[in-house]
Every structure is written in C-alpha cells, then in structure tokens.
Amino acid sequence: TSGYNYFLTGDAGTGKSYLLNVFSEFCELNDIAFVKTAPTGIAAASVHGTTIHKQFRLPLNVLTEKLSSDQIRNIRLKLKYMDMSL
C-alpha cells in the first residue's frame, strides 16, 4: 500500500498463495490497484491471476535471450504506462 513493488517467493506449501489472496482482498476493500501475476499458468490459476508475460505483454524469450536496447525500452514503456485494471 506504500507504492512499492514486492516479489513473493518461497517453497511449496509455505503460504504464498494464501498471503497473496488475503492481501488481494484487503486491496479490493480499500480500492487499491493490485495485480496478481505468476511465472506459470498453473501458479497464476491458483491465485486467480495471470502470467507475468500476459499481464505485461512481454515476449516469451524475455528470460532466455539477450534483448536489444529497443526491446528493453519498449518493455519499460509498457510497464510504466500499463493500465492495471486490465
């Protein structure tokens, strides 16, 4: 709620999805924009969210290939101006 971004990680069964869903409910009750993303479709479905690639319209090779300066600039622009209500 302070405007910072957080990366939530942990082993299976440690409560990541539970914590994310509780925080999501808090955000909904307080009209705070919040986006739930996960690296895989299975993980995204378990938190009723979407994949990182789909949410931020990233190319599938963003983590496996070196991107050009233009590609990186385009990704940053998408992230900066993205409508989080999608």
PDB file of N, CA and C in Angstrom:
ATOM      1  N   THR A   1       0.812  -1.207   0.000  1.00  0.00           N
ATOM      2  CA  THR A   1       0.000   0.000   0.000  1.00  0.00           C
ATOM      3  C   THR A   1       0.851   1.265   0.000  1.00  0.00           C
ATOM      4  N   SER A   2       2.179   1.091   0.121  1.00  0.00           N
ATOM      5  CA  SER A   2       3.089   2.233   0.153  1.00  0.00           C
ATOM      6  C   SER A   2       3.554   2.647  -1.239  1.00  0.00           C
ATOM      7  N   GLY A   3       3.155   1.895  -2.269  1.00  0.00           N
ATOM      8  CA  GLY A   3       3.573   2.216  -3.625  1.00  0.00           C
ATOM      9  C   GLY A   3       4.777   1.425  -4.086  1.00  0.00           C
ATOM     10  N   TYR A   4       5.303   0.566  -3.256  1.00  0.00           N
ATOM     11  CA  TYR A   4       6.447  -0.260  -3.630  1.00  0.00           C
ATOM     12  C   TYR A   4       5.974  -1.554  -4.268  1.00  0.00           C
ATOM     13  N   ASN A   5       6.840  -2.187  -5.051  1.00  0.00           N
ATOM     14  CA  ASN A   5       6.569  -3.497  -5.631  1.00  0.00           C
ATOM     15  C   ASN A   5       7.284  -4.543  -4.797  1.00  0.00           C
ATOM     16  N   TYR A   6       6.659  -5.698  -4.663  1.00  0.00           N
ATOM     17  CA  TYR A   6       7.250  -6.784  -3.890  1.00  0.00           C
ATOM     18  C   TYR A   6       7.260  -8.060  -4.708  1.00  0.00           C
ATOM     19  N   PHE A   7       8.295  -8.860  -4.490  1.00  0.00           N
ATOM     20  CA  PHE A   7       8.430 -10.157  -5.140  1.00  0.00           C
ATOM     21  C   PHE A   7       8.284 -11.205  -4.052  1.00  0.00           C
ATOM     22  N   LEU A   8       7.229 -11.996  -4.115  1.00  0.00           N
ATOM     23  CA  LEU A   8       6.932 -13.000  -3.105  1.00  0.00           C
ATOM     24  C   LEU A   8       7.425 -14.349  -3.595  1.00  0.00           C
ATOM     25  N   THR A   9       8.249 -14.998  -2.793  1.00  0.00           N
ATOM     26  CA  THR A   9       8.795 -16.293  -3.187  1.00  0.00           C
ATOM     27  C   THR A   9       8.885 -17.204  -1.968  1.00  0.00           C
ATOM     28  N   GLY A  10       8.985 -18.487  -2.189  1.00  0.00           N
ATOM     29  CA  GLY A  10       9.117 -19.448  -1.096  1.00  0.00           C
ATOM     30  C   GLY A  10       8.854 -20.849  -1.600  1.00  0.00           C
ATOM     31  N   ASP A  11       9.135 -21.808  -0.746  1.00  0.00           N
ATOM     32  CA  ASP A  11       8.939 -23.216  -1.101  1.00  0.00           C
ATOM     33  C   ASP A  11       7.450 -23.547  -1.202  1.00  0.00           C
ATOM     34  N   ALA A  12       7.167 -24.665  -1.818  1.00  0.00           N
ATOM     35  CA  ALA A  12       5.785 -25.129  -1.943  1.00  0.00           C
ATOM     36  C   ALA A  12       5.182 -25.323  -0.562  1.00  0.00           C
ATOM     37  N   GLY A  13       3.941 -24.881  -0.401  1.00  0.00           N
ATOM     38  CA  GLY A  13       3.231 -25.099   0.849  1.00  0.00           C
ATOM     39  C   GLY A  13       3.544 -24.122   1.964  1.00  0.00           C
ATOM     40  N   THR A  14       4.255 -23.041   1.653  1.00  0.00           N
ATOM     41  CA  THR A  14       4.612 -22.083   2.699  1.00  0.00           C
ATOM     42  C   THR A  14       3.594 -20.966   2.878  1.00  0.00           C
ATOM     43  N   GLY A  15       2.557 -20.920   2.041  1.00  0.00           N
ATOM     44  CA  GLY A  15       1.503 -19.933   2.214  1.00  0.00           C
ATOM     45  C   GLY A  15       1.565 -18.741   1.286  1.00  0.00           C
ATOM     46  N   LYS A  16       2.303 -18.849   0.188  1.00  0.00           N
ATOM     47  CA  LYS A  16       2.407 -17.728  -0.762  1.00  0.00           C
ATOM     48  C   LYS A  16       1.046 -17.361  -1.337  1.00  0.00           C
ATOM     49  N   SER A  17       0.319 -18.339  -1.822  1.00  0.00           N
ATOM     50  CA  SER A  17      -0.999 -18.083  -2.422  1.00  0.00           C
ATOM     51  C   SER A  17      -1.965 -17.537  -1.377  1.00  0.00           C
ATOM     52  N   TYR A  18      -1.935 -18.098  -0.185  1.00  0.00           N
ATOM     53  CA  TYR A  18      -2.809 -17.631   0.890  1.00  0.00           C
ATOM     54  C   TYR A  18      -2.534 -16.160   1.203  1.00  0.00           C
ATOM     55  N   LEU A  19      -1.270 -15.817   1.401  1.00  0.00           N
ATOM     56  CA  LEU A  19      -0.905 -14.435   1.705  1.00  0.00           C
ATOM     57  C   LEU A  19      -1.317 -13.499   0.573  1.00  0.00           C
ATOM     58  N   LEU A  20      -1.077 -13.916  -0.654  1.00  0.00           N
ATOM     59  CA  LEU A  20      -1.436 -13.100  -1.808  1.00  0.00           C
ATOM     60  C   LEU A  20      -2.944 -12.871  -1.892  1.00  0.00           C
ATOM     61  N   ASN A  21      -3.719 -13.906  -1.624  1.00  0.00           N
ATOM     62  CA  ASN A  21      -5.178 -13.769  -1.679  1.00  0.00           C
ATOM     63  C   ASN A  21      -5.711 -12.897  -0.540  1.00  0.00           C
ATOM     64  N   VAL A  22      -5.138 -12.998   0.648  1.00  0.00           N
ATOM     65  CA  VAL A  22      -5.556 -12.135   1.760  1.00  0.00           C
ATOM     66  C   VAL A  22      -5.227 -10.683   1.433  1.00  0.00           C
ATOM     67  N   PHE A  23      -4.040 -10.435   0.904  1.00  0.00           N
ATOM     68  CA  PHE A  23      -3.659  -9.071   0.546  1.00  0.00           C
ATOM     69  C   PHE A  23      -4.547  -8.542  -0.580  1.00  0.00           C
ATOM     70  N   SER A  24      -4.902  -9.399  -1.523  1.00  0.00           N
ATOM     71  CA  SER A  24      -5.782  -9.010  -2.620  1.00  0.00           C
ATOM     72  C   SER A  24      -7.142  -8.570  -2.088  1.00  0.00           C
ATOM     73  N   GLU A  25      -7.680  -9.311  -1.135  1.00  0.00           N
ATOM     74  CA  GLU A  25      -8.958  -8.936  -0.528  1.00  0.00           C
ATOM     75  C   GLU A  25      -8.855  -7.581   0.173  1.00  0.00           C
ATOM     76  N   PHE A  26      -7.751  -7.362   0.890  1.00  0.00           N
ATOM     77  CA  PHE A  26      -7.522  -6.075   1.554  1.00  0.00           C
ATOM     78  C   PHE A  26      -7.522  -4.941   0.534  1.00  0.00           C
ATOM     79  N   CYS A  27      -6.837  -5.167  -0.583  1.00  0.00           N
ATOM     80  CA  CYS A  27      -6.759  -4.138  -1.625  1.00  0.00           C
ATOM     81  C   CYS A  27      -8.135  -3.854  -2.224  1.00  0.00           C
ATOM     82  N   GLU A  28      -8.896  -4.893  -2.477  1.00  0.00           N
ATOM     83  CA  GLU A  28     -10.243  -4.702  -3.035  1.00  0.00           C
ATOM     84  C   GLU A  28     -11.121  -3.896  -2.084  1.00  0.00           C
ATOM     85  N   LEU A  29     -11.059  -4.195  -0.799  1.00  0.00           N
ATOM     86  CA  LEU A  29     -11.876  -3.489   0.193  1.00  0.00           C
ATOM     87  C   LEU A  29     -11.479  -2.025   0.340  1.00  0.00           C
ATOM     88  N   ASN A  30     -10.226  -1.714   0.018  1.00  0.00           N
ATOM     89  CA  ASN A  30      -9.710  -0.357   0.188  1.00  0.00           C
ATOM     90  C   ASN A  30      -9.468   0.365  -1.132  1.00  0.00           C
ATOM     91  N   ASP A  31     -10.027  -0.155  -2.223  1.00  0.00           N
ATOM     92  CA  ASP A  31      -9.890   0.452  -3.556  1.00  0.00           C
ATOM     93  C   ASP A  31      -8.437   0.732  -3.934  1.00  0.00           C
ATOM     94  N   ILE A  32      -7.585  -0.257  -3.718  1.00  0.00           N
ATOM     95  CA  ILE A  32      -6.168  -0.154  -4.060  1.00  0.00           C
ATOM     96  C   ILE A  32      -5.910  -1.013  -5.288  1.00  0.00           C
ATOM     97  N   ALA A  33      -5.312  -0.432  -6.323  1.00  0.00           N
ATOM     98  CA  ALA A  33      -4.998  -1.177  -7.537  1.00  0.00           C
ATOM     99  C   ALA A  33      -3.981  -2.269  -7.208  1.00  0.00           C
ATOM    100  N   PHE A  34      -4.262  -3.461  -7.679  1.00  0.00           N
ATOM    101  CA  PHE A  34      -3.421  -4.609  -7.347  1.00  0.00           C
ATOM    102  C   PHE A  34      -3.487  -5.613  -8.479  1.00  0.00           C
ATOM    103  N   VAL A  35      -2.348  -6.135  -8.887  1.00  0.00           N
ATOM    104  CA  VAL A  35      -2.286  -7.116  -9.962  1.00  0.00           C
ATOM    105  C   VAL A  35      -1.593  -8.360  -9.437  1.00  0.00           C
ATOM    106  N   LYS A  36      -2.223  -9.531  -9.634  1.00  0.00           N
ATOM    107  CA  LYS A  36      -1.625 -10.800  -9.230  1.00  0.00           C
ATOM    108  C   LYS A  36      -1.049 -11.473 -10.461  1.00  0.00           C
ATOM    109  N   THR A  37       0.249 -11.717 -10.440  1.00  0.00           N
ATOM    110  CA  THR A  37       0.898 -12.409 -11.547  1.00  0.00           C
ATOM    111  C   THR A  37       1.735 -13.562 -11.008  1.00  0.00           C
ATOM    112  N   ALA A  38       2.032 -14.492 -11.879  1.00  0.00           N
ATOM    113  CA  ALA A  38       2.867 -15.642 -11.541  1.00  0.00           C
ATOM    114  C   ALA A  38       3.627 -16.061 -12.792  1.00  0.00           C
ATOM    115  N   PRO A  39       4.735 -16.783 -12.617  1.00  0.00           N
ATOM    116  CA  PRO A  39       5.544 -17.147 -13.783  1.00  0.00           C
ATOM    117  C   PRO A  39       4.945 -18.227 -14.665  1.00  0.00           C
ATOM    118  N   THR A  40       4.049 -19.051 -14.125  1.00  0.00           N
ATOM    119  CA  THR A  40       3.459 -20.122 -14.923  1.00  0.00           C
ATOM    120  C   THR A  40       1.940 -20.044 -14.887  1.00  0.00           C
ATOM    121  N   GLY A  41       1.302 -20.671 -15.848  1.00  0.00           N
ATOM    122  CA  GLY A  41      -0.149 -20.692 -15.903  1.00  0.00           C
ATOM    123  C   GLY A  41      -0.776 -21.384 -14.703  1.00  0.00           C
ATOM    124  N   ILE A  42      -0.164 -22.473 -14.247  1.00  0.00           N
ATOM    125  CA  ILE A  42      -0.684 -23.204 -13.088  1.00  0.00           C
ATOM    126  C   ILE A  42      -0.618 -22.327 -11.838  1.00  0.00           C
ATOM    127  N   ALA A  43       0.508 -21.656 -11.638  1.00  0.00           N
ATOM    128  CA  ALA A  43       0.655 -20.780 -10.478  1.00  0.00           C
ATOM    129  C   ALA A  43      -0.309 -19.605 -10.565  1.00  0.00           C
ATOM    130  N   ALA A  44      -0.487 -19.048 -11.755  1.00  0.00           N
ATOM    131  CA  ALA A  44      -1.401 -17.918 -11.934  1.00  0.00           C
ATOM    132  C   ALA A  44      -2.835 -18.338 -11.647  1.00  0.00           C
ATOM    133  N   ALA A  45      -3.228 -19.522 -12.085  1.00  0.00           N
ATOM    134  CA  ALA A  45      -4.585 -20.007 -11.842  1.00  0.00           C
ATOM    135  C   ALA A  45      -4.833 -20.201 -10.347  1.00  0.00           C
ATOM    136  N   SER A  46      -3.823 -20.642  -9.612  1.00  0.00           N
ATOM    137  CA  SER A  46      -4.016 -20.902  -8.184  1.00  0.00           C
ATOM    138  C   SER A  46      -4.234 -19.626  -7.375  1.00  0.00           C
ATOM    139  N   VAL A  47      -3.841 -18.481  -7.913  1.00  0.00           N
ATOM    140  CA  VAL A  47      -4.064 -17.206  -7.210  1.00  0.00           C
ATOM    141  C   VAL A  47      -5.095 -16.355  -7.931  1.00  0.00           C
ATOM    142  N   HIS A  48      -5.771 -16.943  -8.908  1.00  0.00           N
ATOM    143  CA  HIS A  48      -6.781 -16.229  -9.707  1.00  0.00           C
ATOM    144  C   HIS A  48      -6.174 -14.975 -10.333  1.00  0.00           C
ATOM    145  N   GLY A  49      -4.979 -15.157 -10.898  1.00  0.00           N
ATOM    146  CA  GLY A  49      -4.278 -14.058 -11.557  1.00  0.00           C
ATOM    147  C   GLY A  49      -3.968 -14.400 -12.994  1.00  0.00           C
ATOM    148  N   THR A  50      -2.873 -13.869 -13.487  1.00  0.00           N
ATOM    149  CA  THR A  50      -2.450 -14.117 -14.855  1.00  0.00           C
ATOM    150  C   THR A  50      -0.933 -14.302 -14.865  1.00  0.00           C
ATOM    151  N   THR A  51      -0.408 -14.773 -15.981  1.00  0.00           N
ATOM    152  CA  THR A  51       1.046 -14.930 -16.054  1.00  0.00           C
ATOM    153  C   THR A  51       1.706 -13.555 -16.206  1.00  0.00           C
ATOM    154  N   ILE A  52       2.944 -13.482 -15.796  1.00  0.00           N
ATOM    155  CA  ILE A  52       3.706 -12.234 -15.901  1.00  0.00           C
ATOM    156  C   ILE A  52       3.773 -11.796 -17.362  1.00  0.00           C
ATOM    157  N   HIS A  53       4.011 -12.765 -18.253  1.00  0.00           N
ATOM    158  CA  HIS A  53       4.140 -12.440 -19.670  1.00  0.00           C
ATOM    159  C   HIS A  53       2.861 -11.851 -20.239  1.00  0.00           C
ATOM    160  N   LYS A  54       1.726 -12.436 -19.874  1.00  0.00           N
ATOM    161  CA  LYS A  54       0.453 -11.947 -20.401  1.00  0.00           C
ATOM    162  C   LYS A  54       0.122 -10.570 -19.825  1.00  0.00           C
ATOM    163  N   GLN A  55       0.277 -10.404 -18.521  1.00  0.00           N
ATOM    164  CA  GLN A  55      -0.083  -9.147 -17.872  1.00  0.00           C
ATOM    165  C   GLN A  55       0.713  -7.970 -18.428  1.00  0.00           C
ATOM    166  N   PHE A  56       2.002  -8.171 -18.597  1.00  0.00           N
ATOM    167  CA  PHE A  56       2.862  -7.071 -19.027  1.00  0.00           C
ATOM    168  C   PHE A  56       3.232  -7.140 -20.502  1.00  0.00           C
ATOM    169  N   ARG A  57       2.561  -8.061 -21.222  1.00  0.00           N
ATOM    170  CA  ARG A  57       2.767  -8.212 -22.666  1.00  0.00           C
ATOM    171  C   ARG A  57       4.252  -8.361 -23.022  1.00  0.00           C
ATOM    172  N   LEU A  58       4.909  -9.259 -22.318  1.00  0.00           N
ATOM    173  CA  LEU A  58       6.330  -9.495 -22.544  1.00  0.00           C
ATOM    174  C   LEU A  58       6.529 -10.573 -23.595  1.00  0.00           C
ATOM    175  N   PRO A  59       7.606 -10.475 -24.368  1.00  0.00           N
ATOM    176  CA  PRO A  59       7.901 -11.549 -25.319  1.00  0.00           C
ATOM    177  C   PRO A  59       8.292 -12.814 -24.551  1.00  0.00           C
ATOM    178  N   LEU A  60       7.996 -13.970 -25.106  1.00  0.00           N
ATOM    179  CA  LEU A  60       8.285 -15.221 -24.413  1.00  0.00           C
ATOM    180  C   LEU A  60       9.773 -15.432 -24.175  1.00  0.00           C
ATOM    181  N   ASN A  61      10.604 -14.804 -24.976  1.00  0.00           N
ATOM    182  CA  ASN A  61      12.052 -15.008 -24.845  1.00  0.00           C
ATOM    183  C   ASN A  61      12.695 -14.015 -23.877  1.00  0.00           C
ATOM    184  N   VAL A  62      11.911 -13.268 -23.125  1.00  0.00           N
ATOM    185  CA  VAL A  62      12.460 -12.201 -22.275  1.00  0.00           C
ATOM    186  C   VAL A  62      13.465 -12.738 -21.245  1.00  0.00           C
ATOM    187  N   LEU A  63      13.324 -13.983 -20.821  1.00  0.00           N
ATOM    188  CA  LEU A  63      14.240 -14.533 -19.827  1.00  0.00           C
ATOM    189  C   LEU A  63      15.289 -15.463 -20.408  1.00  0.00           C
ATOM    190  N   THR A  64      15.176 -15.816 -21.683  1.00  0.00           N
ATOM    191  CA  THR A  64      16.099 -16.795 -22.253  1.00  0.00           C
ATOM    192  C   THR A  64      17.056 -16.230 -23.289  1.00  0.00           C
ATOM    193  N   GLU A  65      16.761 -15.071 -23.831  1.00  0.00           N
ATOM    194  CA  GLU A  65      17.615 -14.486 -24.852  1.00  0.00           C
ATOM    195  C   GLU A  65      17.967 -13.050 -24.483  1.00  0.00           C
ATOM    196  N   LYS A  66      19.109 -12.601 -24.945  1.00  0.00           N
ATOM    197  CA  LYS A  66      19.503 -11.219 -24.707  1.00  0.00           C
ATOM    198  C   LYS A  66      18.635 -10.305 -25.577  1.00  0.00           C
ATOM    199  N   LEU A  67      18.024  -9.308 -24.941  1.00  0.00           N
ATOM    200  CA  LEU A  67      17.157  -8.391 -25.668  1.00  0.00           C
ATOM    201  C   LEU A  67      17.924  -7.161 -26.117  1.00  0.00           C
ATOM    202  N   SER A  68      17.487  -6.574 -27.207  1.00  0.00           N
ATOM    203  CA  SER A  68      18.119  -5.354 -27.698  1.00  0.00           C
ATOM    204  C   SER A  68      17.700  -4.177 -26.820  1.00  0.00           C
ATOM    205  N   SER A  69      18.415  -3.082 -26.930  1.00  0.00           N
ATOM    206  CA  SER A  69      18.075  -1.868 -26.184  1.00  0.00           C
ATOM    207  C   SER A  69      16.667  -1.389 -26.514  1.00  0.00           C
ATOM    208  N   ASP A  70      16.280  -1.492 -27.788  1.00  0.00           N
ATOM    209  CA  ASP A  70      14.932  -1.086 -28.198  1.00  0.00           C
ATOM    210  C   ASP A  70      13.865  -1.967 -27.546  1.00  0.00           C
ATOM    211  N   GLN A  71      14.115  -3.265 -27.486  1.00  0.00           N
ATOM    212  CA  GLN A  71      13.155  -4.176 -26.862  1.00  0.00           C
ATOM    213  C   GLN A  71      13.004  -3.859 -25.372  1.00  0.00           C
ATOM    214  N   ILE A  72      14.109  -3.613 -24.710  1.00  0.00           N
ATOM    215  CA  ILE A  72      14.072  -3.272 -23.280  1.00  0.00           C
ATOM    216  C   ILE A  72      13.333  -1.961 -23.065  1.00  0.00           C
ATOM    217  N   ARG A  73      13.591  -0.974 -23.888  1.00  0.00           N
ATOM    218  CA  ARG A  73      12.911   0.320 -23.773  1.00  0.00           C
ATOM    219  C   ARG A  73      11.404   0.152 -23.967  1.00  0.00           C
ATOM    220  N   ASN A  74      10.994  -0.656 -24.945  1.00  0.00           N
ATOM    221  CA  ASN A  74       9.573  -0.898 -25.188  1.00  0.00           C
ATOM    222  C   ASN A  74       8.907  -1.598 -24.009  1.00  0.00           C
ATOM    223  N   ILE A  75       9.599  -2.554 -23.402  1.00  0.00           N
ATOM    224  CA  ILE A  75       9.061  -3.249 -22.231  1.00  0.00           C
ATOM    225  C   ILE A  75       8.894  -2.268 -21.079  1.00  0.00           C
ATOM    226  N   ARG A  76       9.883  -1.427 -20.847  1.00  0.00           N
ATOM    227  CA  ARG A  76       9.796  -0.443 -19.757  1.00  0.00           C
ATOM    228  C   ARG A  76       8.644   0.528 -19.986  1.00  0.00           C
ATOM    229  N   LEU A  77       8.435   0.950 -21.216  1.00  0.00           N
ATOM    230  CA  LEU A  77       7.316   1.851 -21.509  1.00  0.00           C
ATOM    231  C   LEU A  77       5.983   1.163 -21.241  1.00  0.00           C
ATOM    232  N   LYS A  78       5.873  -0.104 -21.617  1.00  0.00           N
ATOM    233  CA  LYS A  78       4.643  -0.848 -21.357  1.00  0.00           C
ATOM    234  C   LYS A  78       4.378  -0.931 -19.857  1.00  0.00           C
ATOM    235  N   LEU A  79       5.416  -1.207 -19.086  1.00  0.00           N
ATOM    236  CA  LEU A  79       5.256  -1.332 -17.640  1.00  0.00           C
ATOM    237  C   LEU A  79       4.895  -0.001 -17.008  1.00  0.00           C
ATOM    238  N   LYS A  80       5.504   1.073 -17.471  1.00  0.00           N
ATOM    239  CA  LYS A  80       5.276   2.387 -16.888  1.00  0.00           C
ATOM    240  C   LYS A  80       3.864   2.882 -17.145  1.00  0.00           C
ATOM    241  N   TYR A  81       3.341   2.615 -18.315  1.00  0.00           N
ATOM    242  CA  TYR A  81       2.043   3.160 -18.700  1.00  0.00           C
ATOM    243  C   TYR A  81       0.918   2.149 -18.735  1.00  0.00           C
ATOM    244  N   MET A  82       1.137   0.967 -18.176  1.00  0.00           N
ATOM    245  CA  MET A  82       0.124  -0.081 -18.222  1.00  0.00           C
ATOM    246  C   MET A  82      -1.078   0.278 -17.369  1.00  0.00           C
ATOM    247  N   ASP A  83      -2.254   0.025 -17.885  1.00  0.00           N
ATOM    248  CA  ASP A  83      -3.493   0.182 -17.144  1.00  0.00           C
ATOM    249  C   ASP A  83      -3.661  -1.056 -16.279  1.00  0.00           C
ATOM    250  N   MET A  84      -3.484  -0.915 -14.992  1.00  0.00           N
ATOM    251  CA  MET A  84      -3.503  -2.058 -14.085  1.00  0.00           C
ATOM    252  C   MET A  84      -4.906  -2.603 -13.833  1.00  0.00           C
ATOM    253  N   SER A  85      -5.902  -2.017 -14.410  1.00  0.00           N
ATOM    254  CA  SER A  85      -7.270  -2.505 -14.216  1.00  0.00           C
ATOM    255  C   SER A  85      -7.627  -3.604 -15.214  1.00  0.00           C
ATOM    256  N   LEU A  86      -6.705  -3.953 -16.094  1.00  0.00           N
ATOM    257  CA  LEU A  86      -6.985  -4.972 -17.119  1.00  0.00           C
ATOM    258  C   LEU A  86      -7.230  -6.325 -16.481  1.00  0.00           C
TER     259      LEU A  86
END
